[in-house]
Amino acid sequence: LDLACNLVHGSDSVQAAAREIELF
């Protein structure tokens, strides 16, 4: 129900996904 508490994050591009996966 809340913009600040919106439950999930998903990468917004293939490039972002590669960077984020490497971070985690």
PDB file of all heavy atoms in Angstrom:
ATOM      1  N   LEU A   1       0.804  -1.223   0.000  1.00  0.00           N
ATOM      2  CA  LEU A   1       0.000   0.000   0.000  1.00  0.00           C
ATOM      3  C   LEU A   1       0.835   1.270   0.000  1.00  0.00           C
ATOM      4  O   LEU A   1       0.319   2.342  -0.252  1.00  0.00           O
ATOM      5  CB  LEU A   1      -0.908   0.040   1.249  1.00  0.00           C
ATOM      6  CG  LEU A   1      -2.146  -0.831   1.208  1.00  0.00           C
ATOM      7  CD1 LEU A   1      -2.852  -0.793   2.553  1.00  0.00           C
ATOM      8  CD2 LEU A   1      -3.085  -0.369   0.111  1.00  0.00           C
ATOM      9  N   ASP A   2       2.122   1.155   0.292  1.00  0.00           N
ATOM     10  CA  ASP A   2       2.949   2.334   0.546  1.00  0.00           C
ATOM     11  C   ASP A   2       4.129   2.393  -0.425  1.00  0.00           C
ATOM     12  O   ASP A   2       4.827   1.401  -0.607  1.00  0.00           O
ATOM     13  CB  ASP A   2       3.453   2.257   1.994  1.00  0.00           C
ATOM     14  CG  ASP A   2       4.125   3.512   2.462  1.00  0.00           C
ATOM     15  OD1 ASP A   2       5.163   3.883   1.877  1.00  0.00           O
ATOM     16  OD2 ASP A   2       3.637   4.108   3.433  1.00  0.00           O
ATOM     17  N   LEU A   3       4.358   3.556  -1.020  1.00  0.00           N
ATOM     18  CA  LEU A   3       5.469   3.736  -1.958  1.00  0.00           C
ATOM     19  C   LEU A   3       6.813   3.470  -1.287  1.00  0.00           C
ATOM     20  O   LEU A   3       7.699   2.860  -1.874  1.00  0.00           O
ATOM     21  CB  LEU A   3       5.435   5.149  -2.551  1.00  0.00           C
ATOM     22  CG  LEU A   3       6.545   5.516  -3.528  1.00  0.00           C
ATOM     23  CD1 LEU A   3       6.521   4.597  -4.745  1.00  0.00           C
ATOM     24  CD2 LEU A   3       6.419   6.963  -3.958  1.00  0.00           C
ATOM     25  N   ALA A   4       6.969   3.910  -0.049  1.00  0.00           N
ATOM     26  CA  ALA A   4       8.244   3.733   0.656  1.00  0.00           C
ATOM     27  C   ALA A   4       8.469   2.276   1.051  1.00  0.00           C
ATOM     28  O   ALA A   4       9.609   1.820   1.133  1.00  0.00           O
ATOM     29  CB  ALA A   4       8.299   4.629   1.885  1.00  0.00           C
ATOM     30  N   CYS A   5       7.409   1.554   1.318  1.00  0.00           N
ATOM     31  CA  CYS A   5       7.493   0.147   1.723  1.00  0.00           C
ATOM     32  C   CYS A   5       6.789  -0.685   0.656  1.00  0.00           C
ATOM     33  O   CYS A   5       5.660  -1.123   0.842  1.00  0.00           O
ATOM     34  CB  CYS A   5       6.834  -0.049   3.088  1.00  0.00           C
ATOM     35  SG  CYS A   5       7.618   0.847   4.419  1.00  0.00           S
ATOM     36  N   ASN A   6       7.493  -0.902  -0.460  1.00  0.00           N
ATOM     37  CA  ASN A   6       6.844  -1.544  -1.605  1.00  0.00           C
ATOM     38  C   ASN A   6       7.309  -2.983  -1.849  1.00  0.00           C
ATOM     39  O   ASN A   6       7.221  -3.489  -2.949  1.00  0.00           O
ATOM     40  CB  ASN A   6       6.982  -0.688  -2.863  1.00  0.00           C
ATOM     41  CG  ASN A   6       8.411  -0.463  -3.275  1.00  0.00           C
ATOM     42  OD1 ASN A   6       9.328  -1.135  -2.816  1.00  0.00           O
ATOM     43  ND2 ASN A   6       8.620   0.485  -4.170  1.00  0.00           N
ATOM     44  N   LEU A   7       7.820  -3.603  -0.810  1.00  0.00           N
ATOM     45  CA  LEU A   7       8.054  -5.051  -0.711  1.00  0.00           C
ATOM     46  C   LEU A   7       9.233  -5.625  -1.476  1.00  0.00           C
ATOM     47  O   LEU A   7       9.929  -6.488  -0.949  1.00  0.00           O
ATOM     48  CB  LEU A   7       6.798  -5.838  -1.112  1.00  0.00           C
ATOM     49  CG  LEU A   7       5.504  -5.487  -0.387  1.00  0.00           C
ATOM     50  CD1 LEU A   7       4.350  -6.322  -0.960  1.00  0.00           C
ATOM     51  CD2 LEU A   7       5.633  -5.692   1.100  1.00  0.00           C
ATOM     52  N   VAL A   8       9.444  -5.224  -2.736  1.00  0.00           N
ATOM     53  CA  VAL A   8      10.439  -5.900  -3.569  1.00  0.00           C
ATOM     54  C   VAL A   8      11.236  -4.908  -4.416  1.00  0.00           C
ATOM     55  O   VAL A   8      10.786  -3.809  -4.709  1.00  0.00           O
ATOM     56  CB  VAL A   8       9.783  -6.937  -4.517  1.00  0.00           C
ATOM     57  CG1 VAL A   8       9.280  -8.137  -3.756  1.00  0.00           C
ATOM     58  CG2 VAL A   8       8.676  -6.310  -5.337  1.00  0.00           C
ATOM     59  N   HIS A   9      12.416  -5.367  -4.803  1.00  0.00           N
ATOM     60  CA  HIS A   9      13.249  -4.666  -5.789  1.00  0.00           C
ATOM     61  C   HIS A   9      13.577  -5.671  -6.873  1.00  0.00           C
ATOM     62  O   HIS A   9      13.872  -6.834  -6.586  1.00  0.00           O
ATOM     63  CB  HIS A   9      14.548  -4.163  -5.155  1.00  0.00           C
ATOM     64  CG  HIS A   9      15.588  -3.811  -6.182  1.00  0.00           C
ATOM     65  ND1 HIS A   9      15.639  -2.586  -6.790  1.00  0.00           N
ATOM     66  CD2 HIS A   9      16.588  -4.551  -6.732  1.00  0.00           C
ATOM     67  CE1 HIS A   9      16.633  -2.577  -7.667  1.00  0.00           C
ATOM     68  NE2 HIS A   9      17.228  -3.753  -7.654  1.00  0.00           N
ATOM     69  N   GLY A  10      13.566  -5.212  -8.118  1.00  0.00           N
ATOM     70  CA  GLY A  10      14.023  -6.032  -9.234  1.00  0.00           C
ATOM     71  C   GLY A  10      14.887  -5.181 -10.146  1.00  0.00           C
ATOM     72  O   GLY A  10      14.594  -4.003 -10.367  1.00  0.00           O
ATOM     73  N   SER A  11      15.938  -5.748 -10.657  1.00  0.00           N
ATOM     74  CA  SER A  11      16.831  -5.022 -11.570  1.00  0.00           C
ATOM     75  C   SER A  11      16.027  -4.439 -12.730  1.00  0.00           C
ATOM     76  O   SER A  11      15.099  -5.076 -13.225  1.00  0.00           O
ATOM     77  CB  SER A  11      17.900  -5.962 -12.122  1.00  0.00           C
ATOM     78  OG  SER A  11      18.622  -6.572 -11.077  1.00  0.00           O
ATOM     79  N   ASP A  12      16.406  -3.231 -13.173  1.00  0.00           N
ATOM     80  CA  ASP A  12      15.632  -2.573 -14.233  1.00  0.00           C
ATOM     81  C   ASP A  12      16.215  -2.747 -15.626  1.00  0.00           C
ATOM     82  O   ASP A  12      15.653  -2.259 -16.597  1.00  0.00           O
ATOM     83  CB  ASP A  12      15.402  -1.096 -13.911  1.00  0.00           C
ATOM     84  CG  ASP A  12      16.677  -0.282 -13.840  1.00  0.00           C
ATOM     85  OD1 ASP A  12      17.768  -0.801 -14.168  1.00  0.00           O
ATOM     86  OD2 ASP A  12      16.593   0.900 -13.465  1.00  0.00           O
ATOM     87  N   SER A  13      17.346  -3.445 -15.733  1.00  0.00           N
ATOM     88  CA  SER A  13      17.932  -3.723 -17.046  1.00  0.00           C
ATOM     89  C   SER A  13      18.907  -4.893 -16.900  1.00  0.00           C
ATOM     90  O   SER A  13      19.298  -5.249 -15.776  1.00  0.00           O
ATOM     91  CB  SER A  13      18.691  -2.499 -17.586  1.00  0.00           C
ATOM     92  OG  SER A  13      19.856  -2.257 -16.798  1.00  0.00           O
ATOM     93  N   VAL A  14      19.298  -5.472 -18.007  1.00  0.00           N
ATOM     94  CA  VAL A  14      20.272  -6.564 -17.988  1.00  0.00           C
ATOM     95  C   VAL A  14      21.598  -6.065 -17.420  1.00  0.00           C
ATOM     96  O   VAL A  14      22.251  -6.761 -16.633  1.00  0.00           O
ATOM     97  CB  VAL A  14      20.446  -7.156 -19.407  1.00  0.00           C
ATOM     98  CG1 VAL A  14      21.574  -8.164 -19.441  1.00  0.00           C
ATOM     99  CG2 VAL A  14      19.149  -7.778 -19.887  1.00  0.00           C
ATOM    100  N   GLN A  15      21.983  -4.835 -17.777  1.00  0.00           N
ATOM    101  CA  GLN A  15      23.234  -4.261 -17.271  1.00  0.00           C
ATOM    102  C   GLN A  15      23.169  -4.031 -15.764  1.00  0.00           C
ATOM    103  O   GLN A  15      24.116  -4.342 -15.038  1.00  0.00           O
ATOM    104  CB  GLN A  15      23.555  -2.944 -17.990  1.00  0.00           C
ATOM    105  CG  GLN A  15      23.805  -3.070 -19.473  1.00  0.00           C
ATOM    106  CD  GLN A  15      22.523  -3.238 -20.291  1.00  0.00           C
ATOM    107  OE1 GLN A  15      21.411  -2.933 -19.866  1.00  0.00           O
ATOM    108  NE2 GLN A  15      22.680  -3.753 -21.508  1.00  0.00           N
ATOM    109  N   ALA A  16      22.056  -3.485 -15.289  1.00  0.00           N
ATOM    110  CA  ALA A  16      21.882  -3.273 -13.850  1.00  0.00           C
ATOM    111  C   ALA A  16      21.881  -4.609 -13.122  1.00  0.00           C
ATOM    112  O   ALA A  16      22.457  -4.737 -12.032  1.00  0.00           O
ATOM    113  CB  ALA A  16      20.601  -2.496 -13.571  1.00  0.00           C
ATOM    114  N   ALA A  17      21.254  -5.610 -13.700  1.00  0.00           N
ATOM    115  CA  ALA A  17      21.204  -6.935 -13.083  1.00  0.00           C
ATOM    116  C   ALA A  17      22.614  -7.489 -12.882  1.00  0.00           C
ATOM    117  O   ALA A  17      22.937  -8.007 -11.804  1.00  0.00           O
ATOM    118  CB  ALA A  17      20.369  -7.892 -13.926  1.00  0.00           C
ATOM    119  N   ALA A  18      23.462  -7.374 -13.886  1.00  0.00           N
ATOM    120  CA  ALA A  18      24.833  -7.877 -13.777  1.00  0.00           C
ATOM    121  C   ALA A  18      25.578  -7.175 -12.635  1.00  0.00           C
ATOM    122  O   ALA A  18      26.252  -7.826 -11.830  1.00  0.00           O
ATOM    123  CB  ALA A  18      25.576  -7.691 -15.097  1.00  0.00           C
ATOM    124  N   ARG A  19      25.436  -5.855 -12.564  1.00  0.00           N
ATOM    125  CA  ARG A  19      26.097  -5.078 -11.498  1.00  0.00           C
ATOM    126  C   ARG A  19      25.551  -5.461 -10.127  1.00  0.00           C
ATOM    127  O   ARG A  19      26.299  -5.691  -9.184  1.00  0.00           O
ATOM    128  CB  ARG A  19      25.903  -3.581 -11.742  1.00  0.00           C
ATOM    129  CG  ARG A  19      26.570  -2.695 -10.700  1.00  0.00           C
ATOM    130  CD  ARG A  19      26.267  -1.221 -10.893  1.00  0.00           C
ATOM    131  NE  ARG A  19      24.930  -0.847 -10.506  1.00  0.00           N
ATOM    132  CZ  ARG A  19      24.541  -0.602  -9.242  1.00  0.00           C
ATOM    133  NH1 ARG A  19      25.403  -0.717  -8.252  1.00  0.00           N
ATOM    134  NH2 ARG A  19      23.297  -0.260  -8.983  1.00  0.00           N
ATOM    135  N   GLU A  20      24.240  -5.565 -10.017  1.00  0.00           N
ATOM    136  CA  GLU A  20      23.612  -5.855  -8.732  1.00  0.00           C
ATOM    137  C   GLU A  20      23.887  -7.286  -8.271  1.00  0.00           C
ATOM    138  O   GLU A  20      24.147  -7.515  -7.081  1.00  0.00           O
ATOM    139  CB  GLU A  20      22.104  -5.618  -8.825  1.00  0.00           C
ATOM    140  CG  GLU A  20      21.756  -4.157  -9.000  1.00  0.00           C
ATOM    141  CD  GLU A  20      20.292  -3.900  -9.270  1.00  0.00           C
ATOM    142  OE1 GLU A  20      19.522  -4.870  -9.500  1.00  0.00           O
ATOM    143  OE2 GLU A  20      19.912  -2.723  -9.256  1.00  0.00           O
ATOM    144  N   ILE A  21      23.858  -8.228  -9.176  1.00  0.00           N
ATOM    145  CA  ILE A  21      24.160  -9.614  -8.807  1.00  0.00           C
ATOM    146  C   ILE A  21      25.573  -9.704  -8.258  1.00  0.00           C
ATOM    147  O   ILE A  21      25.824 -10.342  -7.232  1.00  0.00           O
ATOM    148  CB  ILE A  21      23.949 -10.564 -10.005  1.00  0.00           C
ATOM    149  CG1 ILE A  21      22.447 -10.679 -10.317  1.00  0.00           C
ATOM    150  CG2 ILE A  21      24.568 -11.944  -9.733  1.00  0.00           C
ATOM    151  CD1 ILE A  21      22.132 -11.347 -11.643  1.00  0.00           C
ATOM    152  N   GLU A  22      26.505  -9.045  -8.906  1.00  0.00           N
ATOM    153  CA  GLU A  22      27.895  -9.045  -8.451  1.00  0.00           C
ATOM    154  C   GLU A  22      28.038  -8.403  -7.077  1.00  0.00           C
ATOM    155  O   GLU A  22      28.892  -8.794  -6.281  1.00  0.00           O
ATOM    156  CB  GLU A  22      28.767  -8.312  -9.471  1.00  0.00           C
ATOM    157  CG  GLU A  22      30.246  -8.436  -9.204  1.00  0.00           C
ATOM    158  CD  GLU A  22      31.063  -7.818 -10.320  1.00  0.00           C
ATOM    159  OE1 GLU A  22      31.016  -8.347 -11.440  1.00  0.00           O
ATOM    160  OE2 GLU A  22      31.720  -6.788 -10.065  1.00  0.00           O
ATOM    161  N   LEU A  23      27.191  -7.422  -6.774  1.00  0.00           N
ATOM    162  CA  LEU A  23      27.228  -6.738  -5.484  1.00  0.00           C
ATOM    163  C   LEU A  23      26.739  -7.650  -4.354  1.00  0.00           C
ATOM    164  O   LEU A  23      27.238  -7.589  -3.236  1.00  0.00           O
ATOM    165  CB  LEU A  23      26.358  -5.477  -5.566  1.00  0.00           C
ATOM    166  CG  LEU A  23      26.382  -4.504  -4.404  1.00  0.00           C
ATOM    167  CD1 LEU A  23      27.775  -3.937  -4.169  1.00  0.00           C
ATOM    168  CD2 LEU A  23      25.390  -3.374  -4.661  1.00  0.00           C
ATOM    169  N   PHE A  24      25.780  -8.530  -4.645  1.00  0.00           N
ATOM    170  CA  PHE A  24      25.150  -9.348  -3.618  1.00  0.00           C
ATOM    171  C   PHE A  24      25.622 -10.799  -3.569  1.00  0.00           C
ATOM    172  O   PHE A  24      25.433 -11.463  -2.555  1.00  0.00           O
ATOM    173  CB  PHE A  24      23.628  -9.327  -3.798  1.00  0.00           C
ATOM    174  CG  PHE A  24      22.995  -8.043  -3.363  1.00  0.00           C
ATOM    175  CD1 PHE A  24      22.842  -6.998  -4.260  1.00  0.00           C
ATOM    176  CD2 PHE A  24      22.572  -7.862  -2.060  1.00  0.00           C
ATOM    177  CE1 PHE A  24      22.270  -5.801  -3.866  1.00  0.00           C
ATOM    178  CE2 PHE A  24      21.996  -6.668  -1.652  1.00  0.00           C
ATOM    179  CZ  PHE A  24      21.844  -5.634  -2.558  1.00  0.00           C
TER     180      PHE A  24
END
